[in-house]
């Protein structure tokens, strides 16, 4: 089990939050992949592809859920997934921006 960072160190909290968001993003994609594999009987690749396309709100339309339960899952998956992916990408870009703005040694 990991310990929480020191409350007086904002950089440690940001690192901790980044790791949590990264894990949530991976868990989100794995969950979606498994659910679509089971509900729609798509291949693993198609299931992962649809999961990624759905949560990034790209929505190419080449794959679509056909069962009512899949459609209902997709609604919740997109709302939840878009929020998690947005939070993760925001944290990732902020982290990258801080690294670029550091003075060279």
PDB file of N, CA and C in Angstrom:
ATOM      1  N   UNK A   1       0.848  -1.171   0.000  1.00  0.00           N
ATOM      2  CA  UNK A   1       0.000   0.000   0.000  1.00  0.00           C
ATOM      3  C   UNK A   1       0.900   1.242   0.000  1.00  0.00           C
ATOM      4  N   UNK A   2       0.551   2.245  -0.795  1.00  0.00           N
ATOM      5  CA  UNK A   2       1.343   3.460  -0.850  1.00  0.00           C
ATOM      6  C   UNK A   2       0.897   4.419   0.229  1.00  0.00           C
ATOM      7  N   UNK A   3       1.844   5.188   0.711  1.00  0.00           N
ATOM      8  CA  UNK A   3       1.511   6.180   1.725  1.00  0.00           C
ATOM      9  C   UNK A   3       1.189   7.500   1.037  1.00  0.00           C
ATOM     10  N   UNK A   4       0.427   8.322   1.736  1.00  0.00           N
ATOM     11  CA  UNK A   4       0.078   9.629   1.189  1.00  0.00           C
ATOM     12  C   UNK A   4       1.282  10.554   1.288  1.00  0.00           C
ATOM     13  N   UNK A   5       1.396  11.489   0.357  1.00  0.00           N
ATOM     14  CA  UNK A   5       2.510  12.429   0.403  1.00  0.00           C
ATOM     15  C   UNK A   5       2.358  13.408   1.561  1.00  0.00           C
ATOM     16  N   UNK A   6       3.459  14.041   1.889  1.00  0.00           N
ATOM     17  CA  UNK A   6       3.486  15.043   2.946  1.00  0.00           C
ATOM     18  C   UNK A   6       2.577  16.214   2.560  1.00  0.00           C
ATOM     19  N   UNK A   7       1.698  16.612   3.479  1.00  0.00           N
ATOM     20  CA  UNK A   7       0.724  17.675   3.208  1.00  0.00           C
ATOM     21  C   UNK A   7       1.394  19.013   2.901  1.00  0.00           C
ATOM     22  N   UNK A   8       2.626  19.201   3.313  1.00  0.00           N
ATOM     23  CA  UNK A   8       3.303  20.476   3.080  1.00  0.00           C
ATOM     24  C   UNK A   8       4.047  20.510   1.744  1.00  0.00           C
ATOM     25  N   UNK A   9       3.988  19.438   0.978  1.00  0.00           N
ATOM     26  CA  UNK A   9       4.721  19.374  -0.289  1.00  0.00           C
ATOM     27  C   UNK A   9       3.741  19.284  -1.469  1.00  0.00           C
ATOM     28  N   UNK A  10       3.418  20.439  -2.088  1.00  0.00           N
ATOM     29  CA  UNK A  10       2.456  20.434  -3.201  1.00  0.00           C
ATOM     30  C   UNK A  10       2.923  19.582  -4.390  1.00  0.00           C
ATOM     31  N   UNK A  11       4.220  19.553  -4.649  1.00  0.00           N
ATOM     32  CA  UNK A  11       4.731  18.763  -5.777  1.00  0.00           C
ATOM     33  C   UNK A  11       4.483  17.280  -5.550  1.00  0.00           C
ATOM     34  N   UNK A  12       4.610  16.831  -4.315  1.00  0.00           N
ATOM     35  CA  UNK A  12       4.358  15.422  -4.000  1.00  0.00           C
ATOM     36  C   UNK A  12       2.884  15.093  -4.188  1.00  0.00           C
ATOM     37  N   UNK A  13       2.002  16.017  -3.806  1.00  0.00           N
ATOM     38  CA  UNK A  13       0.562  15.795  -4.004  1.00  0.00           C
ATOM     39  C   UNK A  13       0.227  15.749  -5.489  1.00  0.00           C
ATOM     40  N   UNK A  14       0.831  16.621  -6.276  1.00  0.00           N
ATOM     41  CA  UNK A  14       0.583  16.617  -7.716  1.00  0.00           C
ATOM     42  C   UNK A  14       1.046  15.311  -8.344  1.00  0.00           C
ATOM     43  N   UNK A  15       2.185  14.812  -7.902  1.00  0.00           N
ATOM     44  CA  UNK A  15       2.700  13.530  -8.404  1.00  0.00           C
ATOM     45  C   UNK A  15       1.759  12.390  -8.012  1.00  0.00           C
ATOM     46  N   UNK A  16       1.281  12.430  -6.790  1.00  0.00           N
ATOM     47  CA  UNK A  16       0.346  11.414  -6.283  1.00  0.00           C
ATOM     48  C   UNK A  16      -0.955  11.447  -7.095  1.00  0.00           C
ATOM     49  N   UNK A  17      -1.490  12.634  -7.320  1.00  0.00           N
ATOM     50  CA  UNK A  17      -2.714  12.790  -8.106  1.00  0.00           C
ATOM     51  C   UNK A  17      -2.501  12.309  -9.536  1.00  0.00           C
ATOM     52  N   UNK A  18      -1.365  12.628 -10.120  1.00  0.00           N
ATOM     53  CA  UNK A  18      -1.059  12.200 -11.486  1.00  0.00           C
ATOM     54  C   UNK A  18      -1.065  10.667 -11.585  1.00  0.00           C
ATOM     55  N   UNK A  19      -0.472  10.016 -10.618  1.00  0.00           N
ATOM     56  CA  UNK A  19      -0.439   8.540 -10.620  1.00  0.00           C
ATOM     57  C   UNK A  19      -1.844   7.957 -10.476  1.00  0.00           C
ATOM     58  N   UNK A  20      -2.659   8.581  -9.632  1.00  0.00           N
ATOM     59  CA  UNK A  20      -4.043   8.116  -9.466  1.00  0.00           C
ATOM     60  C   UNK A  20      -4.820   8.291 -10.772  1.00  0.00           C
ATOM     61  N   UNK A  21      -4.675   9.436 -11.424  1.00  0.00           N
ATOM     62  CA  UNK A  21      -5.371   9.687 -12.688  1.00  0.00           C
ATOM     63  C   UNK A  21      -4.889   8.747 -13.791  1.00  0.00           C
ATOM     64  N   UNK A  22      -3.596   8.467 -13.830  1.00  0.00           N
ATOM     65  CA  UNK A  22      -3.057   7.539 -14.822  1.00  0.00           C
ATOM     66  C   UNK A  22      -3.638   6.142 -14.605  1.00  0.00           C
ATOM     67  N   UNK A  23      -3.678   5.706 -13.357  1.00  0.00           N
ATOM     68  CA  UNK A  23      -4.242   4.392 -13.043  1.00  0.00           C
ATOM     69  C   UNK A  23      -5.730   4.345 -13.381  1.00  0.00           C
ATOM     70  N   UNK A  24      -6.446   5.440 -13.114  1.00  0.00           N
ATOM     71  CA  UNK A  24      -7.877   5.494 -13.430  1.00  0.00           C
ATOM     72  C   UNK A  24      -8.107   5.426 -14.936  1.00  0.00           C
ATOM     73  N   UNK A  25      -7.256   6.100 -15.713  1.00  0.00           N
ATOM     74  CA  UNK A  25      -7.391   6.076 -17.174  1.00  0.00           C
ATOM     75  C   UNK A  25      -7.144   4.670 -17.719  1.00  0.00           C
ATOM     76  N   UNK A  26      -6.125   4.005 -17.214  1.00  0.00           N
ATOM     77  CA  UNK A  26      -5.842   2.633 -17.648  1.00  0.00           C
ATOM     78  C   UNK A  26      -6.987   1.705 -17.243  1.00  0.00           C
ATOM     79  N   UNK A  27      -7.443   1.828 -15.997  1.00  0.00           N
ATOM     80  CA  UNK A  27      -8.552   0.987 -15.512  1.00  0.00           C
ATOM     81  C   UNK A  27      -9.814   1.227 -16.343  1.00  0.00           C
ATOM     82  N   UNK A  28     -10.050   2.466 -16.715  1.00  0.00           N
ATOM     83  CA  UNK A  28     -11.208   2.813 -17.540  1.00  0.00           C
ATOM     84  C   UNK A  28     -11.154   2.088 -18.883  1.00  0.00           C
ATOM     85  N   UNK A  29     -10.003   2.146 -19.549  1.00  0.00           N
ATOM     86  CA  UNK A  29      -9.870   1.497 -20.853  1.00  0.00           C
ATOM     87  C   UNK A  29      -9.958  -0.026 -20.742  1.00  0.00           C
ATOM     88  N   UNK A  30      -9.361  -0.586 -19.700  1.00  0.00           N
ATOM     89  CA  UNK A  30      -9.438  -2.038 -19.497  1.00  0.00           C
ATOM     90  C   UNK A  30     -10.887  -2.453 -19.239  1.00  0.00           C
ATOM     91  N   UNK A  31     -11.568  -1.714 -18.378  1.00  0.00           N
ATOM     92  CA  UNK A  31     -12.971  -2.030 -18.067  1.00  0.00           C
ATOM     93  C   UNK A  31     -13.842  -1.967 -19.313  1.00  0.00           C
ATOM     94  N   UNK A  32     -13.719  -0.901 -20.073  1.00  0.00           N
ATOM     95  CA  UNK A  32     -14.502  -0.767 -21.297  1.00  0.00           C
ATOM     96  C   UNK A  32     -14.208  -1.880 -22.285  1.00  0.00           C
ATOM     97  N   UNK A  33     -12.941  -2.213 -22.435  1.00  0.00           N
ATOM     98  CA  UNK A  33     -12.543  -3.277 -23.352  1.00  0.00           C
ATOM     99  C   UNK A  33     -13.186  -4.604 -22.964  1.00  0.00           C
ATOM    100  N   UNK A  34     -13.118  -4.950 -21.694  1.00  0.00           N
ATOM    101  CA  UNK A  34     -13.685  -6.215 -21.219  1.00  0.00           C
ATOM    102  C   UNK A  34     -15.216  -6.220 -21.365  1.00  0.00           C
ATOM    103  N   UNK A  35     -15.849  -5.129 -20.989  1.00  0.00           N
ATOM    104  CA  UNK A  35     -17.319  -5.057 -21.069  1.00  0.00           C
ATOM    105  C   UNK A  35     -17.802  -5.185 -22.510  1.00  0.00           C
ATOM    106  N   UNK A  36     -17.163  -4.466 -23.435  1.00  0.00           N
ATOM    107  CA  UNK A  36     -17.589  -4.554 -24.833  1.00  0.00           C
ATOM    108  C   UNK A  36     -17.268  -5.927 -25.424  1.00  0.00           C
ATOM    109  N   UNK A  37     -16.198  -6.525 -24.996  1.00  0.00           N
ATOM    110  CA  UNK A  37     -15.859  -7.888 -25.444  1.00  0.00           C
ATOM    111  C   UNK A  37     -16.969  -8.858 -25.023  1.00  0.00           C
ATOM    112  N   UNK A  38     -17.451  -8.696 -23.800  1.00  0.00           N
ATOM    113  CA  UNK A  38     -18.494  -9.592 -23.285  1.00  0.00           C
ATOM    114  C   UNK A  38     -19.858  -9.267 -23.887  1.00  0.00           C
ATOM    115  N   UNK A  39     -20.256  -7.998 -23.841  1.00  0.00           N
ATOM    116  CA  UNK A  39     -21.612  -7.626 -24.270  1.00  0.00           C
ATOM    117  C   UNK A  39     -21.817  -7.670 -25.780  1.00  0.00           C
ATOM    118  N   UNK A  40     -20.829  -7.220 -26.523  1.00  0.00           N
ATOM    119  CA  UNK A  40     -20.984  -7.125 -27.979  1.00  0.00           C
ATOM    120  C   UNK A  40     -20.284  -8.258 -28.727  1.00  0.00           C
ATOM    121  N   UNK A  41     -19.494  -9.039 -28.033  1.00  0.00           N
ATOM    122  CA  UNK A  41     -18.736 -10.139 -28.641  1.00  0.00           C
ATOM    123  C   UNK A  41     -17.812  -9.643 -29.753  1.00  0.00           C
ATOM    124  N   UNK A  42     -17.270  -8.432 -29.548  1.00  0.00           N
ATOM    125  CA  UNK A  42     -16.279  -7.896 -30.480  1.00  0.00           C
ATOM    126  C   UNK A  42     -14.932  -8.516 -30.155  1.00  0.00           C
ATOM    127  N   UNK A  43     -13.992  -8.413 -31.075  1.00  0.00           N
ATOM    128  CA  UNK A  43     -12.628  -8.867 -30.800  1.00  0.00           C
ATOM    129  C   UNK A  43     -12.028  -7.964 -29.720  1.00  0.00           C
ATOM    130  N   UNK A  44     -10.919  -8.419 -29.139  1.00  0.00           N
ATOM    131  CA  UNK A  44     -10.241  -7.604 -28.118  1.00  0.00           C
ATOM    132  C   UNK A  44      -9.780  -6.277 -28.711  1.00  0.00           C
ATOM    133  N   UNK A  45      -9.286  -6.323 -29.919  1.00  0.00           N
ATOM    134  CA  UNK A  45      -8.800  -5.099 -30.572  1.00  0.00           C
ATOM    135  C   UNK A  45      -9.965  -4.138 -30.837  1.00  0.00           C
ATOM    136  N   UNK A  46     -11.061  -4.648 -31.389  1.00  0.00           N
ATOM    137  CA  UNK A  46     -12.228  -3.790 -31.639  1.00  0.00           C
ATOM    138  C   UNK A  46     -12.794  -3.223 -30.342  1.00  0.00           C
ATOM    139  N   UNK A  47     -12.813  -4.029 -29.304  1.00  0.00           N
ATOM    140  CA  UNK A  47     -13.325  -3.573 -28.007  1.00  0.00           C
ATOM    141  C   UNK A  47     -12.459  -2.461 -27.434  1.00  0.00           C
ATOM    142  N   UNK A  48     -11.145  -2.627 -27.501  1.00  0.00           N
ATOM    143  CA  UNK A  48     -10.235  -1.583 -27.022  1.00  0.00           C
ATOM    144  C   UNK A  48     -10.359  -0.330 -27.880  1.00  0.00           C
ATOM    145  N   UNK A  49     -10.396  -0.520 -29.187  1.00  0.00           N
ATOM    146  CA  UNK A  49     -10.525   0.598 -30.124  1.00  0.00           C
ATOM    147  C   UNK A  49     -11.787   1.410 -29.830  1.00  0.00           C
ATOM    148  N   UNK A  50     -12.928   0.724 -29.679  1.00  0.00           N
ATOM    149  CA  UNK A  50     -14.172   1.436 -29.401  1.00  0.00           C
ATOM    150  C   UNK A  50     -14.096   2.153 -28.056  1.00  0.00           C
ATOM    151  N   UNK A  51     -13.503   1.513 -27.055  1.00  0.00           N
ATOM    152  CA  UNK A  51     -13.367   2.140 -25.737  1.00  0.00           C
ATOM    153  C   UNK A  51     -12.578   3.443 -25.828  1.00  0.00           C
ATOM    154  N   UNK A  52     -11.467   3.407 -26.543  1.00  0.00           N
ATOM    155  CA  UNK A  52     -10.624   4.603 -26.687  1.00  0.00           C
ATOM    156  C   UNK A  52     -11.335   5.687 -27.490  1.00  0.00           C
ATOM    157  N   UNK A  53     -11.988   5.299 -28.567  1.00  0.00           N
ATOM    158  CA  UNK A  53     -12.702   6.267 -29.413  1.00  0.00           C
ATOM    159  C   UNK A  53     -13.858   6.895 -28.634  1.00  0.00           C
ATOM    160  N   UNK A  54     -14.547   6.104 -27.842  1.00  0.00           N
ATOM    161  CA  UNK A  54     -15.702   6.610 -27.092  1.00  0.00           C
ATOM    162  C   UNK A  54     -15.278   7.618 -26.027  1.00  0.00           C
ATOM    163  N   UNK A  55     -14.283   7.281 -25.200  1.00  0.00           N
ATOM    164  CA  UNK A  55     -13.936   8.184 -24.095  1.00  0.00           C
ATOM    165  C   UNK A  55     -13.193   9.435 -24.542  1.00  0.00           C
ATOM    166  N   UNK A  56     -12.595   9.391 -25.718  1.00  0.00           N
ATOM    167  CA  UNK A  56     -11.956  10.600 -26.235  1.00  0.00           C
ATOM    168  C   UNK A  56     -12.930  11.431 -27.057  1.00  0.00           C
ATOM    169  N   UNK A  57     -14.172  10.987 -27.122  1.00  0.00           N
ATOM    170  CA  UNK A  57     -15.278  11.635 -27.841  1.00  0.00           C
ATOM    171  C   UNK A  57     -14.996  11.829 -29.326  1.00  0.00           C
ATOM    172  N   UNK A  58     -14.140  10.997 -29.897  1.00  0.00           N
ATOM    173  CA  UNK A  58     -13.870  11.058 -31.332  1.00  0.00           C
ATOM    174  C   UNK A  58     -15.078  10.534 -32.099  1.00  0.00           C
ATOM    175  N   UNK A  59     -15.537   9.338 -31.756  1.00  0.00           N
ATOM    176  CA  UNK A  59     -16.757   8.778 -32.315  1.00  0.00           C
ATOM    177  C   UNK A  59     -16.771   8.630 -33.821  1.00  0.00           C
ATOM    178  N   UNK A  60     -15.919   7.785 -34.373  1.00  0.00           N
ATOM    179  CA  UNK A  60     -15.880   7.581 -35.819  1.00  0.00           C
ATOM    180  C   UNK A  60     -17.172   6.971 -36.363  1.00  0.00           C
ATOM    181  N   UNK A  61     -17.863   6.137 -35.583  1.00  0.00           N
ATOM    182  CA  UNK A  61     -19.115   5.542 -36.018  1.00  0.00           C
ATOM    183  C   UNK A  61     -18.961   4.241 -36.776  1.00  0.00           C
ATOM    184  N   UNK A  62     -17.721   3.749 -36.913  1.00  0.00           N
ATOM    185  CA  UNK A  62     -17.530   2.493 -37.635  1.00  0.00           C
ATOM    186  C   UNK A  62     -17.955   1.288 -36.795  1.00  0.00           C
ATOM    187  N   UNK A  63     -17.916   1.410 -35.481  1.00  0.00           N
ATOM    188  CA  UNK A  63     -18.450   0.400 -34.571  1.00  0.00           C
ATOM    189  C   UNK A  63     -19.512   1.080 -33.716  1.00  0.00           C
ATOM    190  N   UNK A  64     -20.628   0.404 -33.533  1.00  0.00           N
ATOM    191  CA  UNK A  64     -21.672   0.936 -32.655  1.00  0.00           C
ATOM    192  C   UNK A  64     -22.272  -0.204 -31.845  1.00  0.00           C
ATOM    193  N   UNK A  65     -22.586   0.053 -30.578  1.00  0.00           N
ATOM    194  CA  UNK A  65     -23.241  -0.980 -29.771  1.00  0.00           C
ATOM    195  C   UNK A  65     -24.602  -1.328 -30.375  1.00  0.00           C
ATOM    196  N   UNK A  66     -24.949  -2.603 -30.308  1.00  0.00           N
ATOM    197  CA  UNK A  66     -26.208  -3.050 -30.905  1.00  0.00           C
ATOM    198  C   UNK A  66     -27.239  -3.479 -29.869  1.00  0.00           C
ATOM    199  N   UNK A  67     -26.805  -3.802 -28.671  1.00  0.00           N
ATOM    200  CA  UNK A  67     -27.730  -4.258 -27.631  1.00  0.00           C
ATOM    201  C   UNK A  67     -28.090  -3.086 -26.717  1.00  0.00           C
ATOM    202  N   UNK A  68     -29.292  -3.097 -26.186  1.00  0.00           N
ATOM    203  CA  UNK A  68     -29.740  -2.014 -25.300  1.00  0.00           C
ATOM    204  C   UNK A  68     -28.826  -1.862 -24.088  1.00  0.00           C
ATOM    205  N   UNK A  69     -28.422  -2.969 -23.482  1.00  0.00           N
ATOM    206  CA  UNK A  69     -27.558  -2.892 -22.304  1.00  0.00           C
ATOM    207  C   UNK A  69     -26.205  -2.271 -22.662  1.00  0.00           C
ATOM    208  N   UNK A  70     -25.715  -2.559 -23.852  1.00  0.00           N
ATOM    209  CA  UNK A  70     -24.453  -1.959 -24.308  1.00  0.00           C
ATOM    210  C   UNK A  70     -24.601  -0.460 -24.528  1.00  0.00           C
ATOM    211  N   UNK A  71     -25.727  -0.072 -25.078  1.00  0.00           N
ATOM    212  CA  UNK A  71     -25.981   1.351 -25.321  1.00  0.00           C
ATOM    213  C   UNK A  71     -26.079   2.121 -24.004  1.00  0.00           C
ATOM    214  N   UNK A  72     -26.766   1.533 -23.033  1.00  0.00           N
ATOM    215  CA  UNK A  72     -26.874   2.186 -21.722  1.00  0.00           C
ATOM    216  C   UNK A  72     -25.517   2.260 -21.035  1.00  0.00           C
ATOM    217  N   UNK A  73     -24.732   1.192 -21.118  1.00  0.00           N
ATOM    218  CA  UNK A  73     -23.381   1.219 -20.557  1.00  0.00           C
ATOM    219  C   UNK A  73     -22.556   2.309 -21.225  1.00  0.00           C
ATOM    220  N   UNK A  74     -22.691   2.427 -22.538  1.00  0.00           N
ATOM    221  CA  UNK A  74     -21.908   3.406 -23.289  1.00  0.00           C
ATOM    222  C   UNK A  74     -22.193   4.832 -22.830  1.00  0.00           C
ATOM    223  N   UNK A  75     -23.434   5.144 -22.548  1.00  0.00           N
ATOM    224  CA  UNK A  75     -23.785   6.489 -22.076  1.00  0.00           C
ATOM    225  C   UNK A  75     -23.016   6.809 -20.789  1.00  0.00           C
ATOM    226  N   UNK A  76     -23.104   5.933 -19.817  1.00  0.00           N
ATOM    227  CA  UNK A  76     -22.378   6.150 -18.566  1.00  0.00           C
ATOM    228  C   UNK A  76     -20.876   6.120 -18.754  1.00  0.00           C
ATOM    229  N   UNK A  77     -20.414   5.232 -19.620  1.00  0.00           N
ATOM    230  CA  UNK A  77     -18.979   5.095 -19.888  1.00  0.00           C
ATOM    231  C   UNK A  77     -18.411   6.375 -20.500  1.00  0.00           C
ATOM    232  N   UNK A  78     -19.138   6.962 -21.424  1.00  0.00           N
ATOM    233  CA  UNK A  78     -18.656   8.196 -22.064  1.00  0.00           C
ATOM    234  C   UNK A  78     -18.635   9.355 -21.061  1.00  0.00           C
ATOM    235  N   UNK A  79     -19.701   9.523 -20.275  1.00  0.00           N
ATOM    236  CA  UNK A  79     -19.720  10.616 -19.296  1.00  0.00           C
ATOM    237  C   UNK A  79     -18.590  10.460 -18.282  1.00  0.00           C
ATOM    238  N   UNK A  80     -18.442   9.273 -17.756  1.00  0.00           N
ATOM    239  CA  UNK A  80     -17.379   9.022 -16.776  1.00  0.00           C
ATOM    240  C   UNK A  80     -16.010   9.094 -17.436  1.00  0.00           C
ATOM    241  N   UNK A  81     -15.895   8.429 -18.568  1.00  0.00           N
ATOM    242  CA  UNK A  81     -14.605   8.350 -19.250  1.00  0.00           C
ATOM    243  C   UNK A  81     -14.099   9.686 -19.747  1.00  0.00           C
ATOM    244  N   UNK A  82     -14.970  10.493 -20.286  1.00  0.00           N
ATOM    245  CA  UNK A  82     -14.536  11.810 -20.774  1.00  0.00           C
ATOM    246  C   UNK A  82     -13.974  12.642 -19.627  1.00  0.00           C
ATOM    247  N   UNK A  83     -14.600  12.555 -18.465  1.00  0.00           N
ATOM    248  CA  UNK A  83     -14.111  13.312 -17.307  1.00  0.00           C
ATOM    249  C   UNK A  83     -12.740  12.803 -16.851  1.00  0.00           C
ATOM    250  N   UNK A  84     -12.587  11.492 -16.779  1.00  0.00           N
ATOM    251  CA  UNK A  84     -11.315  10.914 -16.322  1.00  0.00           C
ATOM    252  C   UNK A  84     -10.196  11.198 -17.324  1.00  0.00           C
ATOM    253  N   UNK A  85     -10.478  10.988 -18.597  1.00  0.00           N
ATOM    254  CA  UNK A  85      -9.454  11.225 -19.624  1.00  0.00           C
ATOM    255  C   UNK A  85      -9.076  12.706 -19.681  1.00  0.00           C
ATOM    256  N   UNK A  86     -10.057  13.590 -19.575  1.00  0.00           N
ATOM    257  CA  UNK A  86      -9.764  15.025 -19.570  1.00  0.00           C
ATOM    258  C   UNK A  86      -8.891  15.398 -18.378  1.00  0.00           C
ATOM    259  N   UNK A  87      -9.220  14.899 -17.203  1.00  0.00           N
ATOM    260  CA  UNK A  87      -8.421  15.189 -16.004  1.00  0.00           C
ATOM    261  C   UNK A  87      -7.006  14.653 -16.152  1.00  0.00           C
ATOM    262  N   UNK A  88      -6.874  13.436 -16.684  1.00  0.00           N
ATOM    263  CA  UNK A  88      -5.540  12.850 -16.860  1.00  0.00           C
ATOM    264  C   UNK A  88      -4.721  13.651 -17.873  1.00  0.00           C
ATOM    265  N   UNK A  89      -5.308  13.968 -19.022  1.00  0.00           N
ATOM    266  CA  UNK A  89      -4.563  14.711 -20.041  1.00  0.00           C
ATOM    267  C   UNK A  89      -4.204  16.112 -19.567  1.00  0.00           C
ATOM    268  N   UNK A  90      -5.088  16.739 -18.805  1.00  0.00           N
ATOM    269  CA  UNK A  90      -4.783  18.051 -18.242  1.00  0.00           C
ATOM    270  C   UNK A  90      -3.589  17.955 -17.296  1.00  0.00           C
ATOM    271  N   UNK A  91      -3.606  16.976 -16.404  1.00  0.00           N
ATOM    272  CA  UNK A  91      -2.484  16.785 -15.469  1.00  0.00           C
ATOM    273  C   UNK A  91      -1.201  16.472 -16.227  1.00  0.00           C
ATOM    274  N   UNK A  92      -1.304  15.674 -17.281  1.00  0.00           N
ATOM    275  CA  UNK A  92      -0.124  15.311 -18.080  1.00  0.00           C
ATOM    276  C   UNK A  92       0.461  16.535 -18.759  1.00  0.00           C
ATOM    277  N   UNK A  93      -0.382  17.356 -19.358  1.00  0.00           N
ATOM    278  CA  UNK A  93       0.110  18.555 -20.046  1.00  0.00           C
ATOM    279  C   UNK A  93       0.676  19.574 -19.063  1.00  0.00           C
ATOM    280  N   UNK A  94       0.060  19.724 -17.889  1.00  0.00           N
ATOM    281  CA  UNK A  94       0.594  20.635 -16.878  1.00  0.00           C
ATOM    282  C   UNK A  94       1.964  20.155 -16.408  1.00  0.00           C
ATOM    283  N   UNK A  95       2.079  18.868 -16.200  1.00  0.00           N
ATOM    284  CA  UNK A  95       3.354  18.286 -15.764  1.00  0.00           C
ATOM    285  C   UNK A  95       4.437  18.523 -16.824  1.00  0.00           C
ATOM    286  N   UNK A  96       4.077  18.311 -18.073  1.00  0.00           N
ATOM    287  CA  UNK A  96       5.042  18.522 -19.157  1.00  0.00           C
ATOM    288  C   UNK A  96       5.433  19.994 -19.266  1.00  0.00           C
ATOM    289  N   UNK A  97       4.447  20.876 -19.105  1.00  0.00           N
ATOM    290  CA  UNK A  97       4.728  22.307 -19.161  1.00  0.00           C
ATOM    291  C   UNK A  97       5.675  22.758 -18.061  1.00  0.00           C
ATOM    292  N   UNK A  98       5.502  22.204 -16.861  1.00  0.00           N
ATOM    293  CA  UNK A  98       6.408  22.545 -15.758  1.00  0.00           C
ATOM    294  C   UNK A  98       7.821  22.067 -16.045  1.00  0.00           C
ATOM    295  N   UNK A  99       7.953  20.901 -16.638  1.00  0.00           N
ATOM    296  CA  UNK A  99       9.289  20.379 -16.959  1.00  0.00           C
ATOM    297  C   UNK A  99       9.970  21.238 -18.008  1.00  0.00           C
ATOM    298  N   UNK A 100       9.212  21.718 -18.981  1.00  0.00           N
ATOM    299  CA  UNK A 100       9.791  22.564 -20.036  1.00  0.00           C
ATOM    300  C   UNK A 100      10.159  23.957 -19.529  1.00  0.00           C
ATOM    301  N   UNK A 101       9.436  24.439 -18.530  1.00  0.00           N
ATOM    302  CA  UNK A 101       9.678  25.801 -18.047  1.00  0.00           C
ATOM    303  C   UNK A 101      10.819  25.872 -17.019  1.00  0.00           C
ATOM    304  N   UNK A 102      11.325  24.729 -16.590  1.00  0.00           N
ATOM    305  CA  UNK A 102      12.458  24.740 -15.670  1.00  0.00           C
ATOM    306  C   UNK A 102      13.713  25.248 -16.386  1.00  0.00           C
ATOM    307  N   UNK A 103      14.503  26.049 -15.694  1.00  0.00           N
ATOM    308  CA  UNK A 103      15.735  26.536 -16.330  1.00  0.00           C
ATOM    309  C   UNK A 103      16.732  25.389 -16.540  1.00  0.00           C
ATOM    310  N   UNK A 104      17.443  25.449 -17.643  1.00  0.00           N
ATOM    311  CA  UNK A 104      18.472  24.441 -17.956  1.00  0.00           C
ATOM    312  C   UNK A 104      19.660  24.613 -17.040  1.00  0.00           C
ATOM    313  N   UNK A 105      20.263  23.500 -16.739  1.00  0.00           N
ATOM    314  CA  UNK A 105      21.469  23.561 -15.883  1.00  0.00           C
ATOM    315  C   UNK A 105      22.710  23.444 -16.693  1.00  0.00           C
TER     316      UNK A 105
END
